């Protein structure tokens, strides 16, 4: 009578090794996709935001406030930046934070989130604000926000 089935034990060991290998592949693939997402988000940020906002740790205000540490920062609180009257009134009456959802709403249609903000300016009768003319695509907005989350 056999208590030990060598073939079965070897099959189980091979299955465990294969499972661990597959987990490692998925993990590496996930890291690679995440890293490529950050790189794409950085390109989108430089192209779409960098003209008006500082993306560096220098935290310099330009036409718009710096974006370093924007994710989960209270809106309208960057020292030394003069917000538009519409933005200040909105942020004072309804304080909010730049969550991923609020950032996506701002990028999608700034006038719906903060009526009258300078970021809502449109060219001619365009459906999208000038600041976000290349950001109608949900995937692009996600990539941008993934990158913004790294600025801290």
C-alpha atoms as a PDB file:
ATOM      1  CA  UNK A   1       0.000   0.000   0.000  1.00  0.00           C
ATOM      2  CA  UNK A   2       1.392   3.422  -1.020  1.00  0.00           C
ATOM      3  CA  UNK A   3       0.900   6.449   1.167  1.00  0.00           C
ATOM      4  CA  UNK A   4       2.945   8.669  -1.026  1.00  0.00           C
ATOM      5  CA  UNK A   5       2.141   9.258  -4.707  1.00  0.00           C
ATOM      6  CA  UNK A   6       5.270  10.810  -6.144  1.00  0.00           C
ATOM      7  CA  UNK A   7       3.645  11.710  -9.497  1.00  0.00           C
ATOM      8  CA  UNK A   8       0.754  13.481  -7.822  1.00  0.00           C
ATOM      9  CA  UNK A   9       3.116  15.420  -5.547  1.00  0.00           C
ATOM     10  CA  UNK A  10       5.223  16.473  -8.529  1.00  0.00           C
ATOM     11  CA  UNK A  11       2.115  17.552 -10.474  1.00  0.00           C
ATOM     12  CA  UNK A  12       0.940  19.666  -7.542  1.00  0.00           C
ATOM     13  CA  UNK A  13       4.405  21.229  -7.218  1.00  0.00           C
ATOM     14  CA  UNK A  14       4.456  22.056 -10.938  1.00  0.00           C
ATOM     15  CA  UNK A  15       0.967  23.587 -10.696  1.00  0.00           C
ATOM     16  CA  UNK A  16       2.094  25.722  -7.739  1.00  0.00           C
ATOM     17  CA  UNK A  17       5.193  26.867  -9.614  1.00  0.00           C
ATOM     18  CA  UNK A  18       3.117  27.670 -12.691  1.00  0.00           C
ATOM     19  CA  UNK A  19       0.634  29.597 -10.556  1.00  0.00           C
ATOM     20  CA  UNK A  20       3.424  31.624  -8.914  1.00  0.00           C
ATOM     21  CA  UNK A  21       4.992  32.291 -12.327  1.00  0.00           C
ATOM     22  CA  UNK A  22       1.655  33.536 -13.680  1.00  0.00           C
ATOM     23  CA  UNK A  23       1.208  35.812 -10.659  1.00  0.00           C
ATOM     24  CA  UNK A  24       4.660  37.273 -11.283  1.00  0.00           C
ATOM     25  CA  UNK A  25       3.830  37.849 -14.965  1.00  0.00           C
ATOM     26  CA  UNK A  26       0.581  39.601 -14.060  1.00  0.00           C
ATOM     27  CA  UNK A  27       2.390  41.712 -11.446  1.00  0.00           C
ATOM     28  CA  UNK A  28       5.155  42.751 -13.854  1.00  0.00           C
ATOM     29  CA  UNK A  29       2.617  43.453 -16.600  1.00  0.00           C
ATOM     30  CA  UNK A  30       0.586  45.544 -14.158  1.00  0.00           C
ATOM     31  CA  UNK A  31       3.677  47.545 -13.172  1.00  0.00           C
ATOM     32  CA  UNK A  32       4.570  48.064 -16.804  1.00  0.00           C
ATOM     33  CA  UNK A  33       1.063  49.217 -17.684  1.00  0.00           C
ATOM     34  CA  UNK A  34       0.951  51.497 -14.647  1.00  0.00           C
ATOM     35  CA  UNK A  35       4.347  52.995 -15.521  1.00  0.00           C
ATOM     36  CA  UNK A  36       3.329  53.539 -19.148  1.00  0.00           C
ATOM     37  CA  UNK A  37       0.129  55.143 -17.834  1.00  0.00           C
ATOM     38  CA  UNK A  38       2.187  57.572 -15.747  1.00  0.00           C
ATOM     39  CA  UNK A  39       4.410  58.395 -18.733  1.00  0.00           C
ATOM     40  CA  UNK A  40       1.406  59.021 -20.969  1.00  0.00           C
ATOM     41  CA  UNK A  41      -0.203  61.102 -18.230  1.00  0.00           C
ATOM     42  CA  UNK A  42       2.972  63.162 -17.936  1.00  0.00           C
ATOM     43  CA  UNK A  43       2.964  63.861 -21.688  1.00  0.00           C
ATOM     44  CA  UNK A  44      -0.698  64.889 -21.475  1.00  0.00           C
ATOM     45  CA  UNK A  45       0.011  67.121 -18.456  1.00  0.00           C
ATOM     46  CA  UNK A  46       2.955  68.850 -20.119  1.00  0.00           C
ATOM     47  CA  UNK A  47       0.971  69.355 -23.331  1.00  0.00           C
ATOM     48  CA  UNK A  48      -2.363  70.393 -21.816  1.00  0.00           C
ATOM     49  CA  UNK A  49      -1.494  71.858 -18.406  1.00  0.00           C
ATOM     50  CA  UNK A  50       2.155  72.894 -18.530  1.00  0.00           C
ATOM     51  CA  UNK A  51       1.523  76.135 -20.410  1.00  0.00           C
ATOM     52  CA  UNK A  52      -0.447  77.614 -17.512  1.00  0.00           C
ATOM     53  CA  UNK A  53       0.556  75.492 -14.508  1.00  0.00           C
ATOM     54  CA  UNK A  54       3.896  74.562 -12.957  1.00  0.00           C
ATOM     55  CA  UNK A  55       4.180  70.787 -12.679  1.00  0.00           C
ATOM     56  CA  UNK A  56       7.424  70.770 -10.704  1.00  0.00           C
ATOM     57  CA  UNK A  57       8.252  70.655  -7.012  1.00  0.00           C
ATOM     58  CA  UNK A  58       9.292  74.332  -7.276  1.00  0.00           C
ATOM     59  CA  UNK A  59       5.615  75.202  -6.735  1.00  0.00           C
ATOM     60  CA  UNK A  60       5.666  78.345  -8.829  1.00  0.00           C
ATOM     61  CA  UNK A  61       2.412  79.989  -9.801  1.00  0.00           C
ATOM     62  CA  UNK A  62       1.999  80.875 -13.457  1.00  0.00           C
ATOM     63  CA  UNK A  63      -1.233  81.843 -15.204  1.00  0.00           C
ATOM     64  CA  UNK A  64      -2.749  79.098 -13.050  1.00  0.00           C
ATOM     65  CA  UNK A  65      -1.701  77.756  -9.641  1.00  0.00           C
ATOM     66  CA  UNK A  66       0.998  75.105  -9.402  1.00  0.00           C
ATOM     67  CA  UNK A  67      -0.227  71.510  -9.624  1.00  0.00           C
ATOM     68  CA  UNK A  68       2.305  69.893  -7.268  1.00  0.00           C
ATOM     69  CA  UNK A  69       0.233  68.112  -4.609  1.00  0.00           C
ATOM     70  CA  UNK A  70      -3.096  68.937  -6.247  1.00  0.00           C
ATOM     71  CA  UNK A  71      -4.790  65.566  -5.695  1.00  0.00           C
ATOM     72  CA  UNK A  72      -6.843  65.789  -2.485  1.00  0.00           C
ATOM     73  CA  UNK A  73      -5.780  69.411  -1.875  1.00  0.00           C
ATOM     74  CA  UNK A  74      -8.539  71.819  -0.912  1.00  0.00           C
ATOM     75  CA  UNK A  75      -9.504  73.911  -3.934  1.00  0.00           C
ATOM     76  CA  UNK A  76      -8.466  77.545  -3.919  1.00  0.00           C
ATOM     77  CA  UNK A  77      -5.755  77.259  -1.280  1.00  0.00           C
ATOM     78  CA  UNK A  78      -2.493  77.808  -3.177  1.00  0.00           C
ATOM     79  CA  UNK A  79      -0.617  80.611  -1.426  1.00  0.00           C
ATOM     80  CA  UNK A  80       0.244  83.563  -3.605  1.00  0.00           C
ATOM     81  CA  UNK A  81      -2.121  82.712  -6.440  1.00  0.00           C
ATOM     82  CA  UNK A  82      -4.888  85.142  -7.283  1.00  0.00           C
ATOM     83  CA  UNK A  83      -7.941  83.076  -8.190  1.00  0.00           C
ATOM     84  CA  UNK A  84     -10.685  84.489 -10.384  1.00  0.00           C
ATOM     85  CA  UNK A  85     -13.645  86.039  -8.607  1.00  0.00           C
ATOM     86  CA  UNK A  86     -15.924  83.232  -9.866  1.00  0.00           C
ATOM     87  CA  UNK A  87     -13.579  80.556  -8.544  1.00  0.00           C
ATOM     88  CA  UNK A  88     -13.117  82.239  -5.147  1.00  0.00           C
ATOM     89  CA  UNK A  89     -16.855  82.727  -4.654  1.00  0.00           C
ATOM     90  CA  UNK A  90     -17.566  79.125  -5.591  1.00  0.00           C
ATOM     91  CA  UNK A  91     -14.783  77.645  -3.433  1.00  0.00           C
ATOM     92  CA  UNK A  92     -15.712  79.853  -0.463  1.00  0.00           C
ATOM     93  CA  UNK A  93     -19.412  79.004  -0.628  1.00  0.00           C
ATOM     94  CA  UNK A  94     -18.920  75.282  -1.365  1.00  0.00           C
ATOM     95  CA  UNK A  95     -15.490  74.176  -0.117  1.00  0.00           C
ATOM     96  CA  UNK A  96     -14.261  71.062  -1.906  1.00  0.00           C
ATOM     97  CA  UNK A  97     -11.105  69.059  -2.489  1.00  0.00           C
ATOM     98  CA  UNK A  98      -9.445  68.101  -5.762  1.00  0.00           C
ATOM     99  CA  UNK A  99     -10.422  64.452  -5.613  1.00  0.00           C
ATOM    100  CA  UNK A 100      -9.997  62.291  -8.701  1.00  0.00           C
ATOM    101  CA  UNK A 101     -13.717  62.712  -9.395  1.00  0.00           C
ATOM    102  CA  UNK A 102     -13.601  66.505  -9.095  1.00  0.00           C
ATOM    103  CA  UNK A 103     -10.491  66.676 -11.287  1.00  0.00           C
ATOM    104  CA  UNK A 104     -12.248  64.561 -13.922  1.00  0.00           C
ATOM    105  CA  UNK A 105     -15.319  66.811 -13.726  1.00  0.00           C
ATOM    106  CA  UNK A 106     -13.154  69.917 -14.132  1.00  0.00           C
ATOM    107  CA  UNK A 107     -11.333  68.456 -17.122  1.00  0.00           C
ATOM    108  CA  UNK A 108     -14.589  67.233 -18.697  1.00  0.00           C
ATOM    109  CA  UNK A 109     -16.420  70.556 -18.386  1.00  0.00           C
ATOM    110  CA  UNK A 110     -14.984  73.213 -16.063  1.00  0.00           C
ATOM    111  CA  UNK A 111     -18.073  75.417 -16.372  1.00  0.00           C
ATOM    112  CA  UNK A 112     -20.301  72.688 -14.930  1.00  0.00           C
ATOM    113  CA  UNK A 113     -18.087  72.313 -11.864  1.00  0.00           C
ATOM    114  CA  UNK A 114     -17.171  75.976 -11.323  1.00  0.00           C
ATOM    115  CA  UNK A 115     -19.394  78.326 -13.353  1.00  0.00           C
ATOM    116  CA  UNK A 116     -17.497  81.289 -14.802  1.00  0.00           C
ATOM    117  CA  UNK A 117     -13.985  80.022 -14.090  1.00  0.00           C
ATOM    118  CA  UNK A 118     -11.228  81.138 -16.491  1.00  0.00           C
ATOM    119  CA  UNK A 119     -10.550  77.499 -17.325  1.00  0.00           C
ATOM    120  CA  UNK A 120     -13.985  77.307 -18.960  1.00  0.00           C
ATOM    121  CA  UNK A 121     -13.056  79.721 -21.784  1.00  0.00           C
ATOM    122  CA  UNK A 122     -13.960  78.276 -25.167  1.00  0.00           C
ATOM    123  CA  UNK A 123     -12.783  78.951 -28.715  1.00  0.00           C
ATOM    124  CA  UNK A 124     -15.697  80.132 -30.871  1.00  0.00           C
ATOM    125  CA  UNK A 125     -18.630  77.805 -30.198  1.00  0.00           C
ATOM    126  CA  UNK A 126     -16.501  74.819 -29.213  1.00  0.00           C
ATOM    127  CA  UNK A 127     -18.102  72.175 -27.017  1.00  0.00           C
ATOM    128  CA  UNK A 128     -14.879  71.849 -24.990  1.00  0.00           C
ATOM    129  CA  UNK A 129     -12.889  74.423 -23.062  1.00  0.00           C
ATOM    130  CA  UNK A 130      -9.647  75.569 -24.713  1.00  0.00           C
ATOM    131  CA  UNK A 131      -7.639  74.265 -21.778  1.00  0.00           C
ATOM    132  CA  UNK A 132      -8.962  70.732 -22.306  1.00  0.00           C
ATOM    133  CA  UNK A 133      -9.479  70.440 -26.043  1.00  0.00           C
ATOM    134  CA  UNK A 134      -7.401  67.223 -26.166  1.00  0.00           C
ATOM    135  CA  UNK A 135      -8.955  65.680 -23.072  1.00  0.00           C
ATOM    136  CA  UNK A 136     -12.425  64.555 -24.201  1.00  0.00           C
ATOM    137  CA  UNK A 137     -11.288  60.939 -24.076  1.00  0.00           C
ATOM    138  CA  UNK A 138     -11.948  59.279 -20.690  1.00  0.00           C
ATOM    139  CA  UNK A 139      -8.728  57.241 -20.924  1.00  0.00           C
ATOM    140  CA  UNK A 140      -6.692  60.425 -21.429  1.00  0.00           C
ATOM    141  CA  UNK A 141      -8.296  62.022 -18.399  1.00  0.00           C
ATOM    142  CA  UNK A 142      -7.549  58.924 -16.313  1.00  0.00           C
ATOM    143  CA  UNK A 143      -3.920  58.901 -17.489  1.00  0.00           C
ATOM    144  CA  UNK A 144      -3.552  62.587 -16.620  1.00  0.00           C
ATOM    145  CA  UNK A 145      -4.995  62.096 -13.144  1.00  0.00           C
ATOM    146  CA  UNK A 146      -2.748  59.058 -12.544  1.00  0.00           C
ATOM    147  CA  UNK A 147       0.207  61.314 -13.300  1.00  0.00           C
ATOM    148  CA  UNK A 148      -1.094  64.161 -11.117  1.00  0.00           C
ATOM    149  CA  UNK A 149      -1.266  61.717  -8.212  1.00  0.00           C
ATOM    150  CA  UNK A 150       2.529  61.280  -8.475  1.00  0.00           C
ATOM    151  CA  UNK A 151       3.134  65.007  -7.897  1.00  0.00           C
ATOM    152  CA  UNK A 152       3.652  65.013  -4.151  1.00  0.00           C
END
